[in-house]
Amino acid sequence: MNTIARIGVDLAKNVMQIHAVDQSGHIVTRKA
């Protein structure tokens, strides 16, 4: 089971990107 430890949000002018990583730093989800 991948538990999300951190969420990063990039709010640019025209694009929003979200990525989430687990405690070991592996990417759990990435949305653009």
PDB file of N, CA and C in Angstrom:
ATOM      1  N   MET A   1       0.843  -1.184   0.000  1.00  0.00           N
ATOM      2  CA  MET A   1       0.000   0.000   0.000  1.00  0.00           C
ATOM      3  C   MET A   1       0.879   1.235   0.000  1.00  0.00           C
ATOM      4  N   ASN A   2       0.624   2.150  -0.916  1.00  0.00           N
ATOM      5  CA  ASN A   2       1.408   3.373  -1.019  1.00  0.00           C
ATOM      6  C   ASN A   2       0.725   4.489  -0.246  1.00  0.00           C
ATOM      7  N   THR A   3       1.345   4.892   0.840  1.00  0.00           N
ATOM      8  CA  THR A   3       0.821   5.985   1.643  1.00  0.00           C
ATOM      9  C   THR A   3       1.500   7.272   1.208  1.00  0.00           C
ATOM     10  N   ILE A   4       0.720   8.297   0.972  1.00  0.00           N
ATOM     11  CA  ILE A   4       1.267   9.580   0.538  1.00  0.00           C
ATOM     12  C   ILE A   4       1.870  10.292   1.737  1.00  0.00           C
ATOM     13  N   ALA A   5       3.150  10.673   1.610  1.00  0.00           N
ATOM     14  CA  ALA A   5       3.837  11.378   2.680  1.00  0.00           C
ATOM     15  C   ALA A   5       3.962  12.870   2.381  1.00  0.00           C
ATOM     16  N   ARG A   6       4.141  13.218   1.097  1.00  0.00           N
ATOM     17  CA  ARG A   6       4.278  14.621   0.696  1.00  0.00           C
ATOM     18  C   ARG A   6       3.523  14.851  -0.599  1.00  0.00           C
ATOM     19  N   ILE A   7       2.992  16.049  -0.734  1.00  0.00           N
ATOM     20  CA  ILE A   7       2.307  16.452  -1.963  1.00  0.00           C
ATOM     21  C   ILE A   7       2.930  17.754  -2.432  1.00  0.00           C
ATOM     22  N   GLY A   8       3.292  17.800  -3.719  1.00  0.00           N
ATOM     23  CA  GLY A   8       3.825  19.017  -4.319  1.00  0.00           C
ATOM     24  C   GLY A   8       2.841  19.563  -5.333  1.00  0.00           C
ATOM     25  N   VAL A   9       2.623  20.869  -5.305  1.00  0.00           N
ATOM     26  CA  VAL A   9       1.699  21.516  -6.236  1.00  0.00           C
ATOM     27  C   VAL A   9       2.457  22.633  -6.943  1.00  0.00           C
ATOM     28  N   ASP A  10       2.424  22.615  -8.277  1.00  0.00           N
ATOM     29  CA  ASP A  10       3.050  23.653  -9.093  1.00  0.00           C
ATOM     30  C   ASP A  10       1.939  24.449  -9.761  1.00  0.00           C
ATOM     31  N   LEU A  11       1.791  25.692  -9.368  1.00  0.00           N
ATOM     32  CA  LEU A  11       0.736  26.550  -9.907  1.00  0.00           C
ATOM     33  C   LEU A  11       1.354  27.548 -10.881  1.00  0.00           C
ATOM     34  N   ALA A  12       1.377  27.185 -12.142  1.00  0.00           N
ATOM     35  CA  ALA A  12       1.879  28.084 -13.178  1.00  0.00           C
ATOM     36  C   ALA A  12       0.714  28.909 -13.725  1.00  0.00           C
ATOM     37  N   LYS A  13       0.982  29.738 -14.714  1.00  0.00           N
ATOM     38  CA  LYS A  13      -0.074  30.588 -15.264  1.00  0.00           C
ATOM     39  C   LYS A  13      -1.168  29.774 -15.941  1.00  0.00           C
ATOM     40  N   ASN A  14      -0.798  28.787 -16.748  1.00  0.00           N
ATOM     41  CA  ASN A  14      -1.784  28.039 -17.521  1.00  0.00           C
ATOM     42  C   ASN A  14      -1.856  26.563 -17.155  1.00  0.00           C
ATOM     43  N   VAL A  15      -0.945  26.074 -16.337  1.00  0.00           N
ATOM     44  CA  VAL A  15      -0.865  24.642 -16.046  1.00  0.00           C
ATOM     45  C   VAL A  15      -0.773  24.433 -14.545  1.00  0.00           C
ATOM     46  N   MET A  16      -1.469  23.417 -14.037  1.00  0.00           N
ATOM     47  CA  MET A  16      -1.341  23.022 -12.638  1.00  0.00           C
ATOM     48  C   MET A  16      -0.868  21.579 -12.602  1.00  0.00           C
ATOM     49  N   GLN A  17       0.210  21.294 -11.884  1.00  0.00           N
ATOM     50  CA  GLN A  17       0.738  19.946 -11.760  1.00  0.00           C
ATOM     51  C   GLN A  17       0.760  19.553 -10.293  1.00  0.00           C
ATOM     52  N   ILE A  18       0.416  18.303 -10.024  1.00  0.00           N
ATOM     53  CA  ILE A  18       0.431  17.765  -8.664  1.00  0.00           C
ATOM     54  C   ILE A  18       1.194  16.453  -8.691  1.00  0.00           C
ATOM     55  N   HIS A  19       2.087  16.249  -7.724  1.00  0.00           N
ATOM     56  CA  HIS A  19       2.703  14.940  -7.570  1.00  0.00           C
ATOM     57  C   HIS A  19       2.767  14.600  -6.089  1.00  0.00           C
ATOM     58  N   ALA A  20       2.650  13.306  -5.807  1.00  0.00           N
ATOM     59  CA  ALA A  20       2.673  12.830  -4.427  1.00  0.00           C
ATOM     60  C   ALA A  20       3.722  11.734  -4.308  1.00  0.00           C
ATOM     61  N   VAL A  21       4.481  11.748  -3.219  1.00  0.00           N
ATOM     62  CA  VAL A  21       5.513  10.745  -2.985  1.00  0.00           C
ATOM     63  C   VAL A  21       5.283  10.071  -1.641  1.00  0.00           C
ATOM     64  N   ASP A  22       5.781   8.829  -1.527  1.00  0.00           N
ATOM     65  CA  ASP A  22       5.670   8.110  -0.266  1.00  0.00           C
ATOM     66  C   ASP A  22       6.876   8.429   0.612  1.00  0.00           C
ATOM     67  N   GLN A  23       6.985   7.763   1.739  1.00  0.00           N
ATOM     68  CA  GLN A  23       8.043   8.067   2.705  1.00  0.00           C
ATOM     69  C   GLN A  23       9.435   7.780   2.164  1.00  0.00           C
ATOM     70  N   SER A  24       9.565   6.841   1.231  1.00  0.00           N
ATOM     71  CA  SER A  24      10.877   6.520   0.674  1.00  0.00           C
ATOM     72  C   SER A  24      11.222   7.380  -0.537  1.00  0.00           C
ATOM     73  N   GLY A  25      10.322   8.274  -0.939  1.00  0.00           N
ATOM     74  CA  GLY A  25      10.597   9.186  -2.034  1.00  0.00           C
ATOM     75  C   GLY A  25      10.129   8.713  -3.394  1.00  0.00           C
ATOM     76  N   HIS A  26       9.465   7.567  -3.459  1.00  0.00           N
ATOM     77  CA  HIS A  26       8.942   7.064  -4.723  1.00  0.00           C
ATOM     78  C   HIS A  26       7.633   7.769  -5.069  1.00  0.00           C
ATOM     79  N   ILE A  27       7.462   8.080  -6.346  1.00  0.00           N
ATOM     80  CA  ILE A  27       6.260   8.785  -6.793  1.00  0.00           C
ATOM     81  C   ILE A  27       5.057   7.861  -6.700  1.00  0.00           C
ATOM     82  N   VAL A  28       4.015   8.324  -6.012  1.00  0.00           N
ATOM     83  CA  VAL A  28       2.774   7.562  -5.864  1.00  0.00           C
ATOM     84  C   VAL A  28       1.796   7.951  -6.965  1.00  0.00           C
ATOM     85  N   THR A  29       1.651   9.243  -7.211  1.00  0.00           N
ATOM     86  CA  THR A  29       0.749   9.719  -8.259  1.00  0.00           C
ATOM     87  C   THR A  29       1.293  11.003  -8.852  1.00  0.00           C
ATOM     88  N   ARG A  30       0.972  11.220 -10.109  1.00  0.00           N
ATOM     89  CA  ARG A  30       1.395  12.438 -10.802  1.00  0.00           C
ATOM     90  C   ARG A  30       0.276  12.848 -11.740  1.00  0.00           C
ATOM     91  N   LYS A  31      -0.186  14.075 -11.599  1.00  0.00           N
ATOM     92  CA  LYS A  31      -1.271  14.606 -12.431  1.00  0.00           C
ATOM     93  C   LYS A  31      -0.828  15.928 -13.035  1.00  0.00           C
ATOM     94  N   ALA A  32      -1.177  16.139 -14.278  1.00  0.00           N
ATOM     95  CA  ALA A  32      -0.840  17.405 -14.943  1.00  0.00           C
ATOM     96  C   ALA A  32      -2.069  17.975 -15.601  1.00  0.00           C
TER      97      ALA A  32
END
